[in-house]
Amino acid sequence: MVGKILAIAVSCVCIWSLVLAFADETQKSKKGEAEFNEHCVVCHPGGGNVINPQKTLHRKDLEANNIRTPDDILKIIRNPGPGMTKFDESVISDKDAREIAGYILDSFK
């Protein structure tokens, strides 16, 4: 009987941990989306690019330009090429920039 109760308790803890992890990821995604909408959507509506249509935020274009990780996107946010606004840490923190990067990689496939 004690073994069954212990097994149920362990299962509940595991399930609760998964729920909390999913909730945390959902919050990050919403934060990334909000930051993207505040700073990026004007030039990148729907993951496109109104300045340079060959450099969208869709996976095939990102990969064609050797952009595969959140760090790659962070580098561009901090030191973009011609036509893109530079965002330093006083405008977008590293944490928020990484959330934007995660949102981009998850959203525009």
PDB file of N, CA and C in Angstrom:
ATOM      1  N   MET A   1       0.824  -1.195   0.000  1.00  0.00           N
ATOM      2  CA  MET A   1       0.000   0.000   0.000  1.00  0.00           C
ATOM      3  C   MET A   1       0.867   1.258   0.000  1.00  0.00           C
ATOM      4  N   VAL A   2       1.894   1.287   0.852  1.00  0.00           N
ATOM      5  CA  VAL A   2       2.788   2.443   0.914  1.00  0.00           C
ATOM      6  C   VAL A   2       3.498   2.623  -0.431  1.00  0.00           C
ATOM      7  N   GLY A   3       3.874   1.517  -1.054  1.00  0.00           N
ATOM      8  CA  GLY A   3       4.537   1.572  -2.359  1.00  0.00           C
ATOM      9  C   GLY A   3       3.647   2.200  -3.427  1.00  0.00           C
ATOM     10  N   LYS A   4       2.345   1.870  -3.407  1.00  0.00           N
ATOM     11  CA  LYS A   4       1.413   2.447  -4.381  1.00  0.00           C
ATOM     12  C   LYS A   4       1.251   3.946  -4.147  1.00  0.00           C
ATOM     13  N   ILE A   5       1.147   4.330  -2.890  1.00  0.00           N
ATOM     14  CA  ILE A   5       0.997   5.752  -2.557  1.00  0.00           C
ATOM     15  C   ILE A   5       2.247   6.515  -2.991  1.00  0.00           C
ATOM     16  N   LEU A   6       3.395   5.937  -2.731  1.00  0.00           N
ATOM     17  CA  LEU A   6       4.651   6.576  -3.132  1.00  0.00           C
ATOM     18  C   LEU A   6       4.735   6.695  -4.657  1.00  0.00           C
ATOM     19  N   ALA A   7       4.333   5.659  -5.369  1.00  0.00           N
ATOM     20  CA  ALA A   7       4.351   5.678  -6.839  1.00  0.00           C
ATOM     21  C   ALA A   7       3.406   6.750  -7.370  1.00  0.00           C
ATOM     22  N   ILE A   8       2.232   6.881  -6.769  1.00  0.00           N
ATOM     23  CA  ILE A   8       1.276   7.909  -7.189  1.00  0.00           C
ATOM     24  C   ILE A   8       1.842   9.300  -6.910  1.00  0.00           C
ATOM     25  N   ALA A   9       2.459   9.476  -5.748  1.00  0.00           N
ATOM     26  CA  ALA A   9       3.043  10.770  -5.399  1.00  0.00           C
ATOM     27  C   ALA A   9       4.154  11.149  -6.373  1.00  0.00           C
ATOM     28  N   VAL A  10       5.012  10.197  -6.710  1.00  0.00           N
ATOM     29  CA  VAL A  10       6.096  10.457  -7.660  1.00  0.00           C
ATOM     30  C   VAL A  10       5.514  10.806  -9.032  1.00  0.00           C
ATOM     31  N   SER A  11       4.490  10.097  -9.451  1.00  0.00           N
ATOM     32  CA  SER A  11       3.844  10.390 -10.741  1.00  0.00           C
ATOM     33  C   SER A  11       3.263  11.798 -10.749  1.00  0.00           C
ATOM     34  N   CYS A  12       2.635  12.189  -9.659  1.00  0.00           N
ATOM     35  CA  CYS A  12       2.053  13.533  -9.567  1.00  0.00           C
ATOM     36  C   CYS A  12       3.133  14.607  -9.648  1.00  0.00           C
ATOM     37  N   VAL A  13       4.237  14.387  -8.975  1.00  0.00           N
ATOM     38  CA  VAL A  13       5.345  15.344  -9.017  1.00  0.00           C
ATOM     39  C   VAL A  13       5.880  15.458 -10.443  1.00  0.00           C
ATOM     40  N   CYS A  14       6.031  14.325 -11.124  1.00  0.00           N
ATOM     41  CA  CYS A  14       6.531  14.345 -12.508  1.00  0.00           C
ATOM     42  C   CYS A  14       5.572  15.087 -13.427  1.00  0.00           C
ATOM     43  N   ILE A  15       4.292  14.809 -13.304  1.00  0.00           N
ATOM     44  CA  ILE A  15       3.298  15.488 -14.140  1.00  0.00           C
ATOM     45  C   ILE A  15       3.298  16.981 -13.848  1.00  0.00           C
ATOM     46  N   TRP A  16       3.331  17.357 -12.590  1.00  0.00           N
ATOM     47  CA  TRP A  16       3.339  18.772 -12.214  1.00  0.00           C
ATOM     48  C   TRP A  16       4.590  19.469 -12.765  1.00  0.00           C
ATOM     49  N   SER A  17       5.714  18.803 -12.753  1.00  0.00           N
ATOM     50  CA  SER A  17       6.944  19.372 -13.317  1.00  0.00           C
ATOM     51  C   SER A  17       6.791  19.624 -14.802  1.00  0.00           C
ATOM     52  N   LEU A  18       6.177  18.700 -15.517  1.00  0.00           N
ATOM     53  CA  LEU A  18       5.944  18.881 -16.955  1.00  0.00           C
ATOM     54  C   LEU A  18       4.993  20.042 -17.220  1.00  0.00           C
ATOM     55  N   VAL A  19       3.961  20.160 -16.415  1.00  0.00           N
ATOM     56  CA  VAL A  19       3.009  21.270 -16.566  1.00  0.00           C
ATOM     57  C   VAL A  19       3.721  22.605 -16.357  1.00  0.00           C
ATOM     58  N   LEU A  20       4.529  22.695 -15.327  1.00  0.00           N
ATOM     59  CA  LEU A  20       5.264  23.936 -15.052  1.00  0.00           C
ATOM     60  C   LEU A  20       6.254  24.251 -16.164  1.00  0.00           C
ATOM     61  N   ALA A  21       6.935  23.247 -16.677  1.00  0.00           N
ATOM     62  CA  ALA A  21       7.892  23.463 -17.772  1.00  0.00           C
ATOM     63  C   ALA A  21       7.167  23.957 -19.019  1.00  0.00           C
ATOM     64  N   PHE A  22       6.024  23.373 -19.324  1.00  0.00           N
ATOM     65  CA  PHE A  22       5.250  23.806 -20.488  1.00  0.00           C
ATOM     66  C   PHE A  22       4.756  25.233 -20.293  1.00  0.00           C
ATOM     67  N   ALA A  23       4.291  25.563 -19.101  1.00  0.00           N
ATOM     68  CA  ALA A  23       3.813  26.920 -18.818  1.00  0.00           C
ATOM     69  C   ALA A  23       4.940  27.922 -18.974  1.00  0.00           C
ATOM     70  N   ASP A  24       6.144  27.565 -18.524  1.00  0.00           N
ATOM     71  CA  ASP A  24       7.302  28.456 -18.650  1.00  0.00           C
ATOM     72  C   ASP A  24       7.639  28.690 -20.120  1.00  0.00           C
ATOM     73  N   GLU A  25       7.625  27.635 -20.929  1.00  0.00           N
ATOM     74  CA  GLU A  25       7.903  27.775 -22.367  1.00  0.00           C
ATOM     75  C   GLU A  25       6.837  28.620 -23.049  1.00  0.00           C
ATOM     76  N   THR A  26       5.578  28.457 -22.635  1.00  0.00           N
ATOM     77  CA  THR A  26       4.502  29.255 -23.209  1.00  0.00           C
ATOM     78  C   THR A  26       4.693  30.725 -22.880  1.00  0.00           C
ATOM     79  N   GLN A  27       5.103  31.020 -21.643  1.00  0.00           N
ATOM     80  CA  GLN A  27       5.357  32.406 -21.248  1.00  0.00           C
ATOM     81  C   GLN A  27       6.507  32.992 -22.055  1.00  0.00           C
ATOM     82  N   LYS A  28       7.573  32.209 -22.256  1.00  0.00           N
ATOM     83  CA  LYS A  28       8.707  32.688 -23.045  1.00  0.00           C
ATOM     84  C   LYS A  28       8.268  32.991 -24.466  1.00  0.00           C
ATOM     85  N   SER A  29       7.459  32.104 -25.034  1.00  0.00           N
ATOM     86  CA  SER A  29       6.990  32.291 -26.401  1.00  0.00           C
ATOM     87  C   SER A  29       6.166  33.564 -26.512  1.00  0.00           C
ATOM     88  N   LYS A  30       5.299  33.799 -25.536  1.00  0.00           N
ATOM     89  CA  LYS A  30       4.476  35.005 -25.549  1.00  0.00           C
ATOM     90  C   LYS A  30       5.335  36.248 -25.381  1.00  0.00           C
ATOM     91  N   LYS A  31       6.348  36.176 -24.527  1.00  0.00           N
ATOM     92  CA  LYS A  31       7.261  37.300 -24.341  1.00  0.00           C
ATOM     93  C   LYS A  31       8.022  37.567 -25.629  1.00  0.00           C
ATOM     94  N   GLY A  32       8.528  36.521 -26.264  1.00  0.00           N
ATOM     95  CA  GLY A  32       9.239  36.673 -27.528  1.00  0.00           C
ATOM     96  C   GLY A  32       8.351  37.260 -28.603  1.00  0.00           C
ATOM     97  N   GLU A  33       7.111  36.805 -28.658  1.00  0.00           N
ATOM     98  CA  GLU A  33       6.173  37.333 -29.645  1.00  0.00           C
ATOM     99  C   GLU A  33       5.879  38.808 -29.372  1.00  0.00           C
ATOM    100  N   ALA A  34       5.682  39.158 -28.105  1.00  0.00           N
ATOM    101  CA  ALA A  34       5.406  40.554 -27.753  1.00  0.00           C
ATOM    102  C   ALA A  34       6.586  41.457 -28.111  1.00  0.00           C
ATOM    103  N   GLU A  35       7.803  41.008 -27.809  1.00  0.00           N
ATOM    104  CA  GLU A  35       8.999  41.791 -28.133  1.00  0.00           C
ATOM    105  C   GLU A  35       9.167  41.905 -29.654  1.00  0.00           C
ATOM    106  N   PHE A  36       8.908  40.813 -30.368  1.00  0.00           N
ATOM    107  CA  PHE A  36       8.978  40.828 -31.826  1.00  0.00           C
ATOM    108  C   PHE A  36       7.977  41.851 -32.377  1.00  0.00           C
ATOM    109  N   ASN A  37       6.753  41.818 -31.858  1.00  0.00           N
ATOM    110  CA  ASN A  37       5.728  42.747 -32.327  1.00  0.00           C
ATOM    111  C   ASN A  37       6.080  44.197 -32.010  1.00  0.00           C
ATOM    112  N   GLU A  38       6.777  44.416 -30.920  1.00  0.00           N
ATOM    113  CA  GLU A  38       7.166  45.779 -30.554  1.00  0.00           C
ATOM    114  C   GLU A  38       8.320  46.307 -31.405  1.00  0.00           C
ATOM    115  N   HIS A  39       9.299  45.469 -31.694  1.00  0.00           N
ATOM    116  CA  HIS A  39      10.531  45.946 -32.319  1.00  0.00           C
ATOM    117  C   HIS A  39      10.745  45.516 -33.779  1.00  0.00           C
ATOM    118  N   CYS A  40      10.120  44.431 -34.212  1.00  0.00           N
ATOM    119  CA  CYS A  40      10.512  43.812 -35.483  1.00  0.00           C
ATOM    120  C   CYS A  40       9.419  43.737 -36.540  1.00  0.00           C
ATOM    121  N   VAL A  41       8.171  43.664 -36.112  1.00  0.00           N
ATOM    122  CA  VAL A  41       7.094  43.346 -37.041  1.00  0.00           C
ATOM    123  C   VAL A  41       6.912  44.394 -38.141  1.00  0.00           C
ATOM    124  N   VAL A  42       7.305  45.628 -37.899  1.00  0.00           N
ATOM    125  CA  VAL A  42       7.149  46.669 -38.917  1.00  0.00           C
ATOM    126  C   VAL A  42       7.898  46.291 -40.194  1.00  0.00           C
ATOM    127  N   CYS A  43       9.098  45.769 -40.051  1.00  0.00           N
ATOM    128  CA  CYS A  43       9.893  45.368 -41.223  1.00  0.00           C
ATOM    129  C   CYS A  43       9.759  43.889 -41.559  1.00  0.00           C
ATOM    130  N   HIS A  44       9.278  43.088 -40.608  1.00  0.00           N
ATOM    131  CA  HIS A  44       9.200  41.635 -40.800  1.00  0.00           C
ATOM    132  C   HIS A  44       7.786  41.093 -40.569  1.00  0.00           C
ATOM    133  N   PRO A  45       6.760  41.692 -41.205  1.00  0.00           N
ATOM    134  CA  PRO A  45       5.400  41.164 -40.992  1.00  0.00           C
ATOM    135  C   PRO A  45       5.291  39.727 -41.505  1.00  0.00           C
ATOM    136  N   GLY A  46       4.707  38.879 -40.690  1.00  0.00           N
ATOM    137  CA  GLY A  46       4.546  37.481 -41.092  1.00  0.00           C
ATOM    138  C   GLY A  46       5.847  36.757 -41.370  1.00  0.00           C
ATOM    139  N   GLY A  47       6.949  37.291 -40.830  1.00  0.00           N
ATOM    140  CA  GLY A  47       8.255  36.675 -41.057  1.00  0.00           C
ATOM    141  C   GLY A  47       8.892  37.093 -42.370  1.00  0.00           C
ATOM    142  N   GLY A  48       8.261  38.005 -43.070  1.00  0.00           N
ATOM    143  CA  GLY A  48       8.817  38.495 -44.330  1.00  0.00           C
ATOM    144  C   GLY A  48       9.900  39.533 -44.091  1.00  0.00           C
ATOM    145  N   ASN A  49      10.201  40.299 -45.123  1.00  0.00           N
ATOM    146  CA  ASN A  49      11.194  41.371 -45.004  1.00  0.00           C
ATOM    147  C   ASN A  49      10.823  42.431 -46.035  1.00  0.00           C
ATOM    148  N   VAL A  50      10.332  43.583 -45.570  1.00  0.00           N
ATOM    149  CA  VAL A  50       9.888  44.626 -46.492  1.00  0.00           C
ATOM    150  C   VAL A  50      11.064  45.365 -47.125  1.00  0.00           C
ATOM    151  N   ILE A  51      12.246  45.283 -46.540  1.00  0.00           N
ATOM    152  CA  ILE A  51      13.443  45.946 -47.071  1.00  0.00           C
ATOM    153  C   ILE A  51      14.149  45.063 -48.098  1.00  0.00           C
ATOM    154  N   ASN A  52      14.345  43.792 -47.744  1.00  0.00           N
ATOM    155  CA  ASN A  52      15.054  42.860 -48.625  1.00  0.00           C
ATOM    156  C   ASN A  52      14.285  41.528 -48.644  1.00  0.00           C
ATOM    157  N   PRO A  53      13.400  41.350 -49.620  1.00  0.00           N
ATOM    158  CA  PRO A  53      12.559  40.144 -49.667  1.00  0.00           C
ATOM    159  C   PRO A  53      13.324  38.825 -49.739  1.00  0.00           C
ATOM    160  N   GLN A  54      14.611  38.845 -50.075  1.00  0.00           N
ATOM    161  CA  GLN A  54      15.399  37.614 -50.103  1.00  0.00           C
ATOM    162  C   GLN A  54      15.905  37.229 -48.712  1.00  0.00           C
ATOM    163  N   LYS A  55      15.743  38.107 -47.744  1.00  0.00           N
ATOM    164  CA  LYS A  55      16.219  37.822 -46.393  1.00  0.00           C
ATOM    165  C   LYS A  55      15.049  37.821 -45.411  1.00  0.00           C
ATOM    166  N   THR A  56      14.151  36.865 -45.608  1.00  0.00           N
ATOM    167  CA  THR A  56      13.016  36.738 -44.696  1.00  0.00           C
ATOM    168  C   THR A  56      13.463  36.024 -43.422  1.00  0.00           C
ATOM    169  N   LEU A  57      12.529  35.859 -42.519  1.00  0.00           N
ATOM    170  CA  LEU A  57      12.807  35.134 -41.278  1.00  0.00           C
ATOM    171  C   LEU A  57      12.364  33.678 -41.369  1.00  0.00           C
ATOM    172  N   HIS A  58      12.011  33.242 -42.554  1.00  0.00           N
ATOM    173  CA  HIS A  58      11.624  31.847 -42.745  1.00  0.00           C
ATOM    174  C   HIS A  58      12.877  30.977 -42.777  1.00  0.00           C
ATOM    175  N   ARG A  59      12.734  29.790 -42.246  1.00  0.00           N
ATOM    176  CA  ARG A  59      13.874  28.890 -42.025  1.00  0.00           C
ATOM    177  C   ARG A  59      14.772  28.742 -43.252  1.00  0.00           C
ATOM    178  N   LYS A  60      14.195  28.557 -44.429  1.00  0.00           N
ATOM    179  CA  LYS A  60      15.027  28.338 -45.626  1.00  0.00           C
ATOM    180  C   LYS A  60      15.909  29.554 -45.909  1.00  0.00           C
ATOM    181  N   ASP A  61      15.385  30.748 -45.718  1.00  0.00           N
ATOM    182  CA  ASP A  61      16.186  31.952 -45.948  1.00  0.00           C
ATOM    183  C   ASP A  61      17.205  32.162 -44.835  1.00  0.00           C
ATOM    184  N   LEU A  62      16.799  31.892 -43.588  1.00  0.00           N
ATOM    185  CA  LEU A  62      17.753  32.007 -42.483  1.00  0.00           C
ATOM    186  C   LEU A  62      18.929  31.064 -42.708  1.00  0.00           C
ATOM    187  N   GLU A  63      18.639  29.807 -43.036  1.00  0.00           N
ATOM    188  CA  GLU A  63      19.705  28.827 -43.240  1.00  0.00           C
ATOM    189  C   GLU A  63      20.575  29.190 -44.436  1.00  0.00           C
ATOM    190  N   ALA A  64      19.965  29.740 -45.491  1.00  0.00           N
ATOM    191  CA  ALA A  64      20.743  30.160 -46.655  1.00  0.00           C
ATOM    192  C   ALA A  64      21.733  31.274 -46.297  1.00  0.00           C
ATOM    193  N   ASN A  65      21.425  32.002 -45.228  1.00  0.00           N
ATOM    194  CA  ASN A  65      22.294  33.079 -44.761  1.00  0.00           C
ATOM    195  C   ASN A  65      23.080  32.684 -43.502  1.00  0.00           C
ATOM    196  N   ASN A  66      23.207  31.367 -43.263  1.00  0.00           N
ATOM    197  CA  ASN A  66      23.953  30.817 -42.120  1.00  0.00           C
ATOM    198  C   ASN A  66      23.435  31.303 -40.776  1.00  0.00           C
ATOM    199  N   ILE A  67      22.129  31.425 -40.665  1.00  0.00           N
ATOM    200  CA  ILE A  67      21.486  31.819 -39.406  1.00  0.00           C
ATOM    201  C   ILE A  67      20.683  30.621 -38.941  1.00  0.00           C
ATOM    202  N   ARG A  68      21.182  29.979 -37.877  1.00  0.00           N
ATOM    203  CA  ARG A  68      20.556  28.732 -37.424  1.00  0.00           C
ATOM    204  C   ARG A  68      20.232  28.705 -35.932  1.00  0.00           C
ATOM    205  N   THR A  69      20.829  29.593 -35.163  1.00  0.00           N
ATOM    206  CA  THR A  69      20.689  29.530 -33.711  1.00  0.00           C
ATOM    207  C   THR A  69      20.235  30.885 -33.160  1.00  0.00           C
ATOM    208  N   PRO A  70      19.742  30.886 -31.925  1.00  0.00           N
ATOM    209  CA  PRO A  70      19.416  32.171 -31.294  1.00  0.00           C
ATOM    210  C   PRO A  70      20.623  33.113 -31.244  1.00  0.00           C
ATOM    211  N   ASP A  71      21.823  32.567 -31.037  1.00  0.00           N
ATOM    212  CA  ASP A  71      23.020  33.416 -31.013  1.00  0.00           C
ATOM    213  C   ASP A  71      23.263  34.085 -32.358  1.00  0.00           C
ATOM    214  N   ASP A  72      22.988  33.369 -33.449  1.00  0.00           N
ATOM    215  CA  ASP A  72      23.133  33.955 -34.781  1.00  0.00           C
ATOM    216  C   ASP A  72      22.195  35.148 -34.945  1.00  0.00           C
ATOM    217  N   ILE A  73      20.968  34.990 -34.469  1.00  0.00           N
ATOM    218  CA  ILE A  73      19.993  36.083 -34.573  1.00  0.00           C
ATOM    219  C   ILE A  73      20.393  37.242 -33.667  1.00  0.00           C
ATOM    220  N   LEU A  74      20.874  36.929 -32.473  1.00  0.00           N
ATOM    221  CA  LEU A  74      21.324  37.978 -31.552  1.00  0.00           C
ATOM    222  C   LEU A  74      22.437  38.814 -32.180  1.00  0.00           C
ATOM    223  N   LYS A  75      23.357  38.174 -32.863  1.00  0.00           N
ATOM    224  CA  LYS A  75      24.445  38.908 -33.528  1.00  0.00           C
ATOM    225  C   LYS A  75      23.899  39.886 -34.560  1.00  0.00           C
ATOM    226  N   ILE A  76      22.870  39.468 -35.276  1.00  0.00           N
ATOM    227  CA  ILE A  76      22.291  40.351 -36.294  1.00  0.00           C
ATOM    228  C   ILE A  76      21.513  41.492 -35.643  1.00  0.00           C
ATOM    229  N   ILE A  77      20.815  41.203 -34.567  1.00  0.00           N
ATOM    230  CA  ILE A  77      20.096  42.261 -33.847  1.00  0.00           C
ATOM    231  C   ILE A  77      21.084  43.331 -33.386  1.00  0.00           C
ATOM    232  N   ARG A  78      22.258  42.889 -32.934  1.00  0.00           N
ATOM    233  CA  ARG A  78      23.262  43.824 -32.408  1.00  0.00           C
ATOM    234  C   ARG A  78      24.091  44.496 -33.503  1.00  0.00           C
ATOM    235  N   ASN A  79      24.308  43.797 -34.604  1.00  0.00           N
ATOM    236  CA  ASN A  79      25.160  44.335 -35.670  1.00  0.00           C
ATOM    237  C   ASN A  79      24.587  43.926 -37.040  1.00  0.00           C
ATOM    238  N   PRO A  80      23.474  44.554 -37.438  1.00  0.00           N
ATOM    239  CA  PRO A  80      22.809  44.154 -38.672  1.00  0.00           C
ATOM    240  C   PRO A  80      23.514  44.671 -39.918  1.00  0.00           C
ATOM    241  N   GLY A  81      23.085  44.153 -41.018  1.00  0.00           N
ATOM    242  CA  GLY A  81      23.592  44.630 -42.297  1.00  0.00           C
ATOM    243  C   GLY A  81      22.833  45.875 -42.743  1.00  0.00           C
ATOM    244  N   PRO A  82      23.112  46.315 -43.952  1.00  0.00           N
ATOM    245  CA  PRO A  82      22.463  47.513 -44.486  1.00  0.00           C
ATOM    246  C   PRO A  82      20.934  47.376 -44.511  1.00  0.00           C
ATOM    247  N   GLY A  83      20.248  48.423 -44.103  1.00  0.00           N
ATOM    248  CA  GLY A  83      18.797  48.461 -44.160  1.00  0.00           C
ATOM    249  C   GLY A  83      18.092  48.065 -42.881  1.00  0.00           C
ATOM    250  N   MET A  84      18.802  47.438 -41.933  1.00  0.00           N
ATOM    251  CA  MET A  84      18.157  47.022 -40.687  1.00  0.00           C
ATOM    252  C   MET A  84      18.619  47.909 -39.542  1.00  0.00           C
ATOM    253  N   THR A  85      17.663  48.250 -38.694  1.00  0.00           N
ATOM    254  CA  THR A  85      17.959  49.045 -37.511  1.00  0.00           C
ATOM    255  C   THR A  85      18.818  48.245 -36.541  1.00  0.00           C
ATOM    256  N   LYS A  86      19.811  48.894 -35.958  1.00  0.00           N
ATOM    257  CA  LYS A  86      20.655  48.268 -34.939  1.00  0.00           C
ATOM    258  C   LYS A  86      19.974  48.439 -33.587  1.00  0.00           C
ATOM    259  N   PHE A  87      19.860  47.344 -32.847  1.00  0.00           N
ATOM    260  CA  PHE A  87      19.255  47.365 -31.517  1.00  0.00           C
ATOM    261  C   PHE A  87      20.314  47.001 -30.493  1.00  0.00           C
ATOM    262  N   ASP A  88      20.755  47.977 -29.698  1.00  0.00           N
ATOM    263  CA  ASP A  88      21.733  47.652 -28.655  1.00  0.00           C
ATOM    264  C   ASP A  88      21.004  47.268 -27.373  1.00  0.00           C
ATOM    265  N   GLU A  89      21.759  46.924 -26.345  1.00  0.00           N
ATOM    266  CA  GLU A  89      21.167  46.439 -25.099  1.00  0.00           C
ATOM    267  C   GLU A  89      20.302  47.465 -24.393  1.00  0.00           C
ATOM    268  N   SER A  90      20.489  48.749 -24.696  1.00  0.00           N
ATOM    269  CA  SER A  90      19.637  49.755 -24.058  1.00  0.00           C
ATOM    270  C   SER A  90      18.226  49.736 -24.645  1.00  0.00           C
ATOM    271  N   VAL A  91      18.070  49.144 -25.823  1.00  0.00           N
ATOM    272  CA  VAL A  91      16.758  49.059 -26.467  1.00  0.00           C
ATOM    273  C   VAL A  91      16.140  47.673 -26.262  1.00  0.00           C
ATOM    274  N   ILE A  92      16.929  46.627 -26.506  1.00  0.00           N
ATOM    275  CA  ILE A  92      16.485  45.241 -26.323  1.00  0.00           C
ATOM    276  C   ILE A  92      17.550  44.521 -25.506  1.00  0.00           C
ATOM    277  N   SER A  93      17.186  44.060 -24.326  1.00  0.00           N
ATOM    278  CA  SER A  93      18.138  43.332 -23.484  1.00  0.00           C
ATOM    279  C   SER A  93      18.532  42.022 -24.163  1.00  0.00           C
ATOM    280  N   ASP A  94      19.659  41.443 -23.744  1.00  0.00           N
ATOM    281  CA  ASP A  94      20.069  40.146 -24.288  1.00  0.00           C
ATOM    282  C   ASP A  94      18.992  39.096 -24.042  1.00  0.00           C
ATOM    283  N   LYS A  95      18.392  39.128 -22.861  1.00  0.00           N
ATOM    284  CA  LYS A  95      17.341  38.160 -22.536  1.00  0.00           C
ATOM    285  C   LYS A  95      16.166  38.305 -23.497  1.00  0.00           C
ATOM    286  N   ASP A  96      15.716  39.533 -23.716  1.00  0.00           N
ATOM    287  CA  ASP A  96      14.593  39.750 -24.624  1.00  0.00           C
ATOM    288  C   ASP A  96      14.982  39.422 -26.072  1.00  0.00           C
ATOM    289  N   ALA A  97      16.211  39.745 -26.459  1.00  0.00           N
ATOM    290  CA  ALA A  97      16.671  39.431 -27.812  1.00  0.00           C
ATOM    291  C   ALA A  97      16.673  37.917 -28.034  1.00  0.00           C
ATOM    292  N   ARG A  98      17.062  37.160 -27.026  1.00  0.00           N
ATOM    293  CA  ARG A  98      17.045  35.694 -27.142  1.00  0.00           C
ATOM    294  C   ARG A  98      15.607  35.168 -27.230  1.00  0.00           C
ATOM    295  N   GLU A  99      14.700  35.820 -26.542  1.00  0.00           N
ATOM    296  CA  GLU A  99      13.298  35.409 -26.634  1.00  0.00           C
ATOM    297  C   GLU A  99      12.736  35.730 -28.016  1.00  0.00           C
ATOM    298  N   ILE A 100      13.128  36.867 -28.579  1.00  0.00           N
ATOM    299  CA  ILE A 100      12.750  37.186 -29.954  1.00  0.00           C
ATOM    300  C   ILE A 100      13.310  36.121 -30.895  1.00  0.00           C
ATOM    301  N   ALA A 101      14.571  35.778 -30.707  1.00  0.00           N
ATOM    302  CA  ALA A 101      15.223  34.773 -31.553  1.00  0.00           C
ATOM    303  C   ALA A 101      14.485  33.437 -31.470  1.00  0.00           C
ATOM    304  N   GLY A 102      14.137  33.015 -30.259  1.00  0.00           N
ATOM    305  CA  GLY A 102      13.396  31.773 -30.091  1.00  0.00           C
ATOM    306  C   GLY A 102      12.041  31.823 -30.784  1.00  0.00           C
ATOM    307  N   TYR A 103      11.388  32.965 -30.655  1.00  0.00           N
ATOM    308  CA  TYR A 103      10.093  33.138 -31.324  1.00  0.00           C
ATOM    309  C   TYR A 103      10.265  33.027 -32.842  1.00  0.00           C
ATOM    310  N   ILE A 104      11.270  33.677 -33.385  1.00  0.00           N
ATOM    311  CA  ILE A 104      11.518  33.621 -34.832  1.00  0.00           C
ATOM    312  C   ILE A 104      11.760  32.182 -35.276  1.00  0.00           C
ATOM    313  N   LEU A 105      12.644  31.483 -34.577  1.00  0.00           N
ATOM    314  CA  LEU A 105      12.986  30.109 -34.975  1.00  0.00           C
ATOM    315  C   LEU A 105      11.802  29.161 -34.848  1.00  0.00           C
ATOM    316  N   ASP A 106      10.921  29.413 -33.890  1.00  0.00           N
ATOM    317  CA  ASP A 106       9.755  28.549 -33.694  1.00  0.00           C
ATOM    318  C   ASP A 106       8.578  28.895 -34.594  1.00  0.00           C
ATOM    319  N   SER A 107       8.511  30.151 -35.045  1.00  0.00           N
ATOM    320  CA  SER A 107       7.307  30.616 -35.721  1.00  0.00           C
ATOM    321  C   SER A 107       7.342  30.626 -37.236  1.00  0.00           C
ATOM    322  N   PHE A 108       8.486  30.906 -37.803  1.00  0.00           N
ATOM    323  CA  PHE A 108       8.555  31.118 -39.246  1.00  0.00           C
ATOM    324  C   PHE A 108       9.318  29.971 -39.910  1.00  0.00           C
ATOM    325  N   LYS A 109       8.621  28.882 -40.151  1.00  0.00           N
ATOM    326  CA  LYS A 109       9.268  27.680 -40.675  1.00  0.00           C
ATOM    327  C   LYS A 109       9.191  27.571 -42.156  1.00  0.00           C
TER     328      LYS A 109
END
